[in-house]
Amino acid sequence: MALRLPERVPGLPVLALVLLLLPLFLGNEFHLDIATQIALIAATVVGLNLLVGYGGQVSLGHAAFFGMGAYASAILTGTYGWTSIPALVCGALLVALLAWTLGRPILRLKGHYLSMATLGMGIIIAIVINNEGWLTGGPDGLAVEPLTVMGAELSIFDHYSLLGLEVSGALLWYGLAALLLLLAVWIAQNLVDSPIGRALRAVHGSEVAARVVGVDTSHYKLLIFVISAVYASVMGSFYAHYTGFITPQVASFEHSIELITMVVLGGMASTYGVILGAVLLMLLPQLLTDFQDYEMMMFGLILMLTMIFMPKGLLPTLSEAVRRLRPRPASAPASGQE
């Protein structure tokens, strides 16, 4: 399938403009660091939304793929001396192979059984990462080499000359993360607008009906499972190089729940909605630090109220409210009336 720019992408230019202007409003490099991490996690969630929002397949172990990509890059670059991009590609291929192998039996399940199977898969991978300390560093974590771009190491602590200007490594990393997010959205929009996207929506609506009209449901469910896993692996690799240090938490069950919560909070089957969900879920702990002992309680209360009053997610609910507020065009007068 040849990728093409979708005919209707009003959100993509707006997102690009927001990402371009955002550094002008960030007060310091700490805020830039938060924005970079949000962009990388948001790109991961865009891939997960293809599986959950469009394919209707719930994965509770998606952080395992994120962690595998992170550790593959860390081990191959740090232990075996690979450069960053080949290590990233190798990690993505390994994750794709694992997702394809595990997805064939797992995706035959439905409903709660599918959720439990993906949960078990994620827990097993997290346990392996945590216990194999000789390779992964175990609970103590693992240092990661800086990202190498065109022979130069990209570190947030250094400054670089770009087009005659001195630019901090933190700003360059933000620019890279923003480009990755835009690329993730562009690919997702292409998939959604393609026959693959239409097949996924048919599977989500009714798998039996999709089979009746000739849709190979097993093929498309497995395909989107592999694609979403590769999304997570690639972003996990970039996240590892950016932070410079990773622990088994990146592949933990808690991280998987955070990712799926971002999808549900922002709005399933809404590419820009899940980005909004990622932004809010990662910013809330920062905004609630003043509540100290009540921080987690306030965090849970906000999430609970959001899902009670906005069950479709933030962006779909807000979009629907805006449509209702728009003035309706005047109806044409009936024949015979002035």
Protein backbone atom coordinates (compact mmCIF):
# COMPACT_ATOMS: atom_id res chain seq x y z
CA MET A 1 0.00 0.00 0.00
CA ALA A 2 1.44 3.36 -1.07
CA LEU A 3 1.25 6.01 1.61
CA ARG A 4 -0.32 9.27 0.59
CA LEU A 5 -1.36 12.43 2.37
CA PRO A 6 -5.07 12.06 3.25
CA GLU A 7 -7.50 14.35 1.52
CA ARG A 8 -8.94 15.65 4.78
CA VAL A 9 -6.33 16.36 7.43
CA PRO A 10 -7.36 19.66 9.01
CA GLY A 11 -5.84 18.62 12.30
CA LEU A 12 -2.36 17.89 10.96
CA PRO A 13 -1.44 21.48 9.98
CA VAL A 14 -2.88 22.72 13.27
CA LEU A 15 -0.87 20.18 15.23
CA ALA A 16 2.28 21.13 13.30
CA LEU A 17 1.68 24.81 14.03
CA VAL A 18 1.14 24.14 17.74
CA LEU A 19 4.33 22.07 17.96
CA LEU A 20 6.26 24.75 16.08
CA LEU A 21 5.13 27.61 18.31
CA LEU A 22 5.11 25.75 21.62
CA PRO A 23 8.82 26.34 22.51
CA LEU A 24 8.15 30.09 22.45
CA PHE A 25 5.83 29.69 25.45
CA LEU A 26 7.93 27.25 27.47
CA GLY A 27 9.69 28.97 30.33
CA ASN A 28 12.76 26.76 30.75
CA GLU A 29 14.40 23.50 29.76
CA PHE A 30 12.41 21.59 32.37
CA HIS A 31 9.21 22.49 30.51
CA LEU A 32 10.93 21.56 27.25
CA ASP A 33 11.81 18.19 28.76
CA ILE A 34 8.16 17.57 29.72
CA ALA A 35 7.02 18.55 26.22
CA THR A 36 9.53 16.18 24.60
CA GLN A 37 8.45 13.23 26.73
CA ILE A 38 4.79 14.01 26.03
CA ALA A 39 5.44 14.02 22.27
CA LEU A 40 7.17 10.63 22.40
CA ILE A 41 4.46 9.05 24.55
CA ALA A 42 1.70 10.64 22.45
CA ALA A 43 3.20 9.06 19.31
CA THR A 44 3.11 5.69 21.10
CA VAL A 45 -0.54 6.21 22.01
CA VAL A 46 -1.42 7.11 18.40
CA GLY A 47 -0.26 3.62 17.45
CA LEU A 48 -2.14 2.00 20.32
CA ASN A 49 -5.30 3.83 19.24
CA LEU A 50 -5.13 2.06 15.87
CA LEU A 51 -5.41 -1.23 17.73
CA VAL A 52 -7.92 -0.25 20.42
CA GLY A 53 -9.92 2.59 18.90
CA TYR A 54 -10.19 1.37 15.31
CA GLY A 55 -9.53 -2.36 15.61
CA GLY A 56 -11.50 -2.85 18.82
CA GLN A 57 -8.77 -5.06 20.34
CA VAL A 58 -7.91 -4.20 23.94
CA SER A 59 -4.24 -4.62 24.88
CA LEU A 60 -3.24 -4.42 28.54
CA GLY A 61 0.40 -5.25 27.92
CA HIS A 62 1.40 -2.69 25.32
CA ALA A 63 4.16 -1.19 27.48
CA ALA A 64 6.04 -4.48 27.02
CA PHE A 65 6.68 -3.56 23.36
CA PHE A 66 7.71 -0.06 24.41
CA GLY A 67 10.14 -1.55 26.91
CA MET A 68 11.52 -4.07 24.44
CA GLY A 69 12.34 -1.29 21.98
CA ALA A 70 13.98 0.74 24.74
CA TYR A 71 16.09 -2.17 26.01
CA ALA A 72 17.00 -3.37 22.52
CA SER A 73 18.50 0.02 21.70
CA ALA A 74 20.20 0.28 25.11
CA ILE A 75 21.76 -3.19 24.92
CA LEU A 76 22.80 -3.11 21.28
CA THR A 77 24.39 0.34 21.51
CA GLY A 78 25.89 0.03 24.99
CA THR A 79 26.96 -3.62 25.13
CA TYR A 80 27.60 -4.49 21.50
CA GLY A 81 28.66 -1.11 20.12
CA TRP A 82 25.95 -0.70 17.47
CA THR A 83 24.99 2.75 16.24
CA SER A 84 21.54 4.07 17.18
CA ILE A 85 19.50 3.68 13.99
CA PRO A 86 20.49 0.06 13.20
CA ALA A 87 19.79 -0.83 16.84
CA LEU A 88 16.39 0.89 16.65
CA VAL A 89 15.51 -0.95 13.42
CA CYS A 90 16.65 -4.28 14.85
CA GLY A 91 14.55 -3.72 17.96
CA ALA A 92 11.50 -2.86 15.85
CA LEU A 93 11.94 -6.00 13.72
CA LEU A 94 12.31 -8.13 16.85
CA VAL A 95 9.15 -6.64 18.33
CA ALA A 96 7.27 -7.10 15.03
CA LEU A 97 8.28 -10.76 14.94
CA LEU A 98 7.26 -11.30 18.56
CA ALA A 99 3.93 -9.49 18.06
CA TRP A 100 3.22 -11.56 14.96
CA THR A 101 4.12 -14.83 16.74
CA LEU A 102 2.14 -14.08 19.89
CA GLY A 103 -0.69 -12.30 18.10
CA ARG A 104 -1.74 -15.31 16.04
CA PRO A 105 -3.06 -17.30 19.04
CA ILE A 106 -3.91 -14.31 21.25
CA LEU A 107 -6.09 -12.48 18.73
CA ARG A 108 -8.33 -15.50 18.32
CA LEU A 109 -9.68 -14.62 21.76
CA LYS A 110 -12.34 -12.00 22.36
CA GLY A 111 -13.47 -9.64 25.11
CA HIS A 112 -12.07 -10.24 28.58
CA TYR A 113 -10.10 -13.27 27.43
CA LEU A 114 -8.16 -11.14 24.95
CA SER A 115 -7.46 -8.54 27.65
CA MET A 116 -6.19 -11.19 30.06
CA ALA A 117 -3.98 -12.77 27.39
CA THR A 118 -2.30 -9.45 26.53
CA LEU A 119 -1.96 -8.71 30.24
CA GLY A 120 -0.19 -12.04 30.77
CA MET A 121 2.09 -11.37 27.79
CA GLY A 122 3.06 -7.97 29.17
CA ILE A 123 3.72 -9.33 32.67
CA ILE A 124 5.96 -12.12 31.34
CA ILE A 125 8.07 -9.69 29.30
CA ALA A 126 8.33 -7.29 32.26
CA ILE A 127 9.45 -10.14 34.54
CA VAL A 128 12.11 -11.24 32.05
CA ILE A 129 13.46 -7.68 31.81
CA ASN A 130 13.46 -7.34 35.59
CA ASN A 131 15.12 -10.70 36.33
CA GLU A 132 17.76 -10.98 33.60
CA GLY A 133 20.10 -8.53 35.28
CA TRP A 134 23.19 -9.80 33.45
CA LEU A 135 21.72 -8.34 30.24
CA THR A 136 19.21 -5.67 31.27
CA GLY A 137 20.66 -4.41 34.55
CA GLY A 138 17.64 -5.76 36.41
CA PRO A 139 15.81 -3.50 38.86
CA ASP A 140 18.79 -1.12 38.96
CA GLY A 141 18.19 -0.10 35.35
CA LEU A 142 20.49 0.39 32.42
CA ALA A 143 22.38 3.39 31.05
CA VAL A 144 21.72 4.24 27.40
CA GLU A 145 24.15 5.75 24.91
CA PRO A 146 23.17 9.11 23.33
CA LEU A 147 21.38 9.05 20.00
CA THR A 148 23.81 9.18 17.08
CA VAL A 149 22.68 11.25 14.11
CA MET A 150 24.97 11.48 11.04
CA GLY A 151 27.96 10.54 13.17
CA ALA A 152 27.23 13.12 15.89
CA GLU A 153 25.85 12.34 19.34
CA LEU A 154 22.67 14.22 20.24
CA SER A 155 22.68 14.99 23.95
CA ILE A 156 20.34 17.28 25.87
CA PHE A 157 23.32 18.62 27.83
CA ASP A 158 25.26 19.92 24.81
CA HIS A 159 24.84 22.81 22.38
CA TYR A 160 25.07 22.56 18.62
CA SER A 161 25.50 24.87 15.65
CA LEU A 162 22.48 24.75 13.33
CA LEU A 163 22.27 27.09 10.31
CA GLY A 164 24.74 29.41 11.99
CA LEU A 165 22.78 29.50 15.25
CA GLU A 166 23.68 27.94 18.57
CA VAL A 167 20.90 25.56 19.58
CA SER A 168 20.65 23.53 22.78
CA GLY A 169 20.44 19.76 22.60
CA ALA A 170 17.17 19.91 24.54
CA LEU A 171 15.56 22.02 21.81
CA LEU A 172 16.87 19.71 19.08
CA TRP A 173 15.44 16.72 20.92
CA TYR A 174 12.10 18.50 21.19
CA GLY A 175 12.17 19.15 17.44
CA LEU A 176 12.92 15.49 16.76
CA ALA A 177 10.11 14.33 19.07
CA ALA A 178 7.69 16.76 17.39
CA LEU A 179 8.63 15.39 13.95
CA LEU A 180 8.14 11.84 15.19
CA LEU A 181 4.69 12.72 16.50
CA LEU A 182 3.71 14.34 13.19
CA LEU A 183 5.00 11.32 11.29
CA ALA A 184 3.08 8.96 13.59
CA VAL A 185 -0.14 10.92 13.02
CA TRP A 186 0.41 11.08 9.25
CA ILE A 187 0.93 7.31 8.99
CA ALA A 188 -2.08 6.65 11.24
CA GLN A 189 -4.30 8.91 9.12
CA ASN A 190 -3.17 7.12 5.97
CA LEU A 191 -4.01 3.77 7.52
CA VAL A 192 -7.40 4.97 8.73
CA ASP A 193 -8.28 6.35 5.28
CA SER A 194 -7.08 3.20 3.48
CA PRO A 195 -8.86 -0.13 2.90
CA ILE A 196 -7.08 -1.35 6.04
CA GLY A 197 -8.86 1.32 8.10
CA ARG A 198 -12.25 0.48 6.59
CA ALA A 199 -11.69 -3.21 7.31
CA LEU A 200 -10.73 -2.42 10.92
CA ARG A 201 -13.87 -0.35 11.43
CA ALA A 202 -15.92 -3.22 10.04
CA VAL A 203 -14.24 -5.64 12.46
CA HIS A 204 -14.84 -3.23 15.33
CA GLY A 205 -18.51 -2.83 14.42
CA SER A 206 -19.29 -6.52 14.01
CA GLU A 207 -16.68 -9.19 13.36
CA VAL A 208 -19.33 -11.67 12.19
CA ALA A 209 -20.79 -9.18 9.71
CA ALA A 210 -17.29 -8.32 8.47
CA ARG A 211 -16.60 -11.99 7.77
CA VAL A 212 -19.89 -12.32 5.92
CA VAL A 213 -18.91 -9.58 3.47
CA GLY A 214 -15.52 -11.16 2.88
CA VAL A 215 -13.18 -9.32 5.29
CA ASP A 216 -10.30 -11.49 6.51
CA THR A 217 -10.71 -10.43 10.13
CA SER A 218 -7.81 -12.51 11.48
CA HIS A 219 -5.41 -10.96 8.97
CA TYR A 220 -6.37 -7.37 9.74
CA LYS A 221 -6.40 -7.84 13.51
CA LEU A 222 -2.93 -9.38 13.41
CA LEU A 223 -1.66 -6.68 11.03
CA ILE A 224 -2.79 -3.79 13.21
CA PHE A 225 -1.44 -5.55 16.32
CA VAL A 226 2.01 -5.73 14.71
CA ILE A 227 1.83 -2.11 13.48
CA SER A 228 0.87 -0.78 16.92
CA ALA A 229 3.66 -2.85 18.51
CA VAL A 230 6.22 -1.37 16.08
CA TYR A 231 4.96 2.12 16.95
CA ALA A 232 5.65 1.36 20.63
CA SER A 233 9.05 -0.17 19.95
CA VAL A 234 10.33 2.74 17.86
CA MET A 235 9.16 5.34 20.36
CA GLY A 236 10.58 3.26 23.21
CA SER A 237 13.98 3.34 21.50
CA PHE A 238 13.90 7.12 21.08
CA TYR A 239 12.65 7.51 24.66
CA ALA A 240 15.60 5.44 25.94
CA HIS A 241 18.15 7.50 24.02
CA TYR A 242 16.50 10.71 25.20
CA THR A 243 16.36 9.91 28.91
CA GLY A 244 19.78 8.22 28.92
CA PHE A 245 18.67 5.70 31.55
CA ILE A 246 15.86 3.16 31.68
CA THR A 247 14.41 0.84 34.31
CA PRO A 248 11.92 -2.07 34.06
CA GLN A 249 9.16 0.47 34.77
CA VAL A 250 9.03 1.32 31.04
CA ALA A 251 7.64 -2.19 30.42
CA SER A 252 5.52 -2.46 33.56
CA PHE A 253 1.81 -3.18 33.89
CA GLU A 254 1.33 0.30 35.37
CA HIS A 255 2.77 1.87 32.24
CA SER A 256 0.44 -0.24 30.08
CA ILE A 257 -2.53 1.04 32.08
CA GLU A 258 -1.31 4.62 31.63
CA LEU A 259 -1.16 4.14 27.85
CA ILE A 260 -4.62 2.60 27.57
CA THR A 261 -6.03 5.30 29.88
CA MET A 262 -4.70 7.98 27.54
CA VAL A 263 -6.61 6.38 24.66
CA VAL A 264 -9.86 6.11 26.60
CA LEU A 265 -9.53 9.56 28.19
CA GLY A 266 -8.83 11.36 24.93
CA GLY A 267 -11.38 9.44 22.89
CA MET A 268 -11.05 6.09 21.17
CA ALA A 269 -10.87 6.19 17.36
CA SER A 270 -9.84 9.85 17.59
CA THR A 271 -6.20 10.35 16.60
CA TYR A 272 -6.02 13.90 17.92
CA GLY A 273 -8.15 12.98 20.92
CA VAL A 274 -5.62 10.44 22.19
CA ILE A 275 -2.88 13.05 21.83
CA LEU A 276 -4.95 15.32 24.07
CA GLY A 277 -5.36 12.41 26.49
CA ALA A 278 -1.60 11.91 26.61
CA VAL A 279 -1.02 15.60 27.23
CA LEU A 280 -3.51 15.78 30.10
CA LEU A 281 -2.48 12.53 31.75
CA MET A 282 1.19 13.52 31.77
CA LEU A 283 0.55 17.12 32.83
CA LEU A 284 -1.89 16.39 35.66
CA PRO A 285 0.77 15.09 38.11
CA GLN A 286 2.78 18.28 37.46
CA LEU A 287 -0.26 20.51 38.02
CA LEU A 288 -1.36 18.70 41.18
CA THR A 289 1.96 18.85 43.04
CA ASP A 290 0.61 21.64 45.27
CA PHE A 291 -1.92 19.21 46.75
CA GLN A 292 0.91 17.08 48.18
CA ASP A 293 -0.73 14.20 50.11
CA TYR A 294 -3.97 14.56 48.15
CA GLU A 295 -2.29 14.50 44.73
CA MET A 296 -3.25 10.91 43.78
CA MET A 297 -6.76 11.34 45.15
CA MET A 298 -7.29 14.48 43.06
CA PHE A 299 -5.79 12.73 40.05
CA GLY A 300 -8.21 9.82 40.39
CA LEU A 301 -11.17 12.13 41.00
CA ILE A 302 -10.47 14.13 37.84
CA LEU A 303 -10.22 10.97 35.75
CA MET A 304 -13.40 9.54 37.27
CA LEU A 305 -15.44 12.70 36.66
CA THR A 306 -14.12 12.97 33.12
CA MET A 307 -15.24 9.45 32.26
CA ILE A 308 -18.62 9.90 33.96
CA PHE A 309 -19.52 13.10 32.15
CA MET A 310 -17.50 12.50 28.97
CA PRO A 311 -17.81 8.75 28.33
CA LYS A 312 -16.83 9.11 24.66
CA GLY A 313 -13.59 10.84 25.62
CA LEU A 314 -12.55 14.47 25.80
CA LEU A 315 -12.18 15.46 22.17
CA PRO A 316 -15.23 13.62 20.73
CA THR A 317 -17.42 15.04 23.50
CA LEU A 318 -16.13 18.58 23.00
CA SER A 319 -16.48 18.29 19.21
CA GLU A 320 -20.06 17.13 19.58
CA ALA A 321 -20.83 20.03 21.93
CA VAL A 322 -19.39 22.51 19.42
CA ARG A 323 -21.52 21.05 16.62
CA ARG A 324 -24.64 21.43 18.74
CA LEU A 325 -23.84 25.09 19.39
CA ARG A 326 -23.50 25.91 15.72
CA PRO A 327 -26.54 27.69 14.26
CA ARG A 328 -28.55 25.45 11.98
CA PRO A 329 -29.27 26.69 8.46
CA ALA A 330 -32.77 28.05 7.98
CA SER A 331 -35.08 25.46 6.43
CA ALA A 332 -36.47 26.23 3.00
CA PRO A 333 -40.10 27.40 3.00
CA ALA A 334 -42.67 24.81 2.06
CA SER A 335 -44.11 25.00 -1.46
CA GLY A 336 -47.00 27.40 -1.72
CA GLN A 337 -45.74 29.52 1.18
CA GLU A 338 -43.88 32.78 0.98
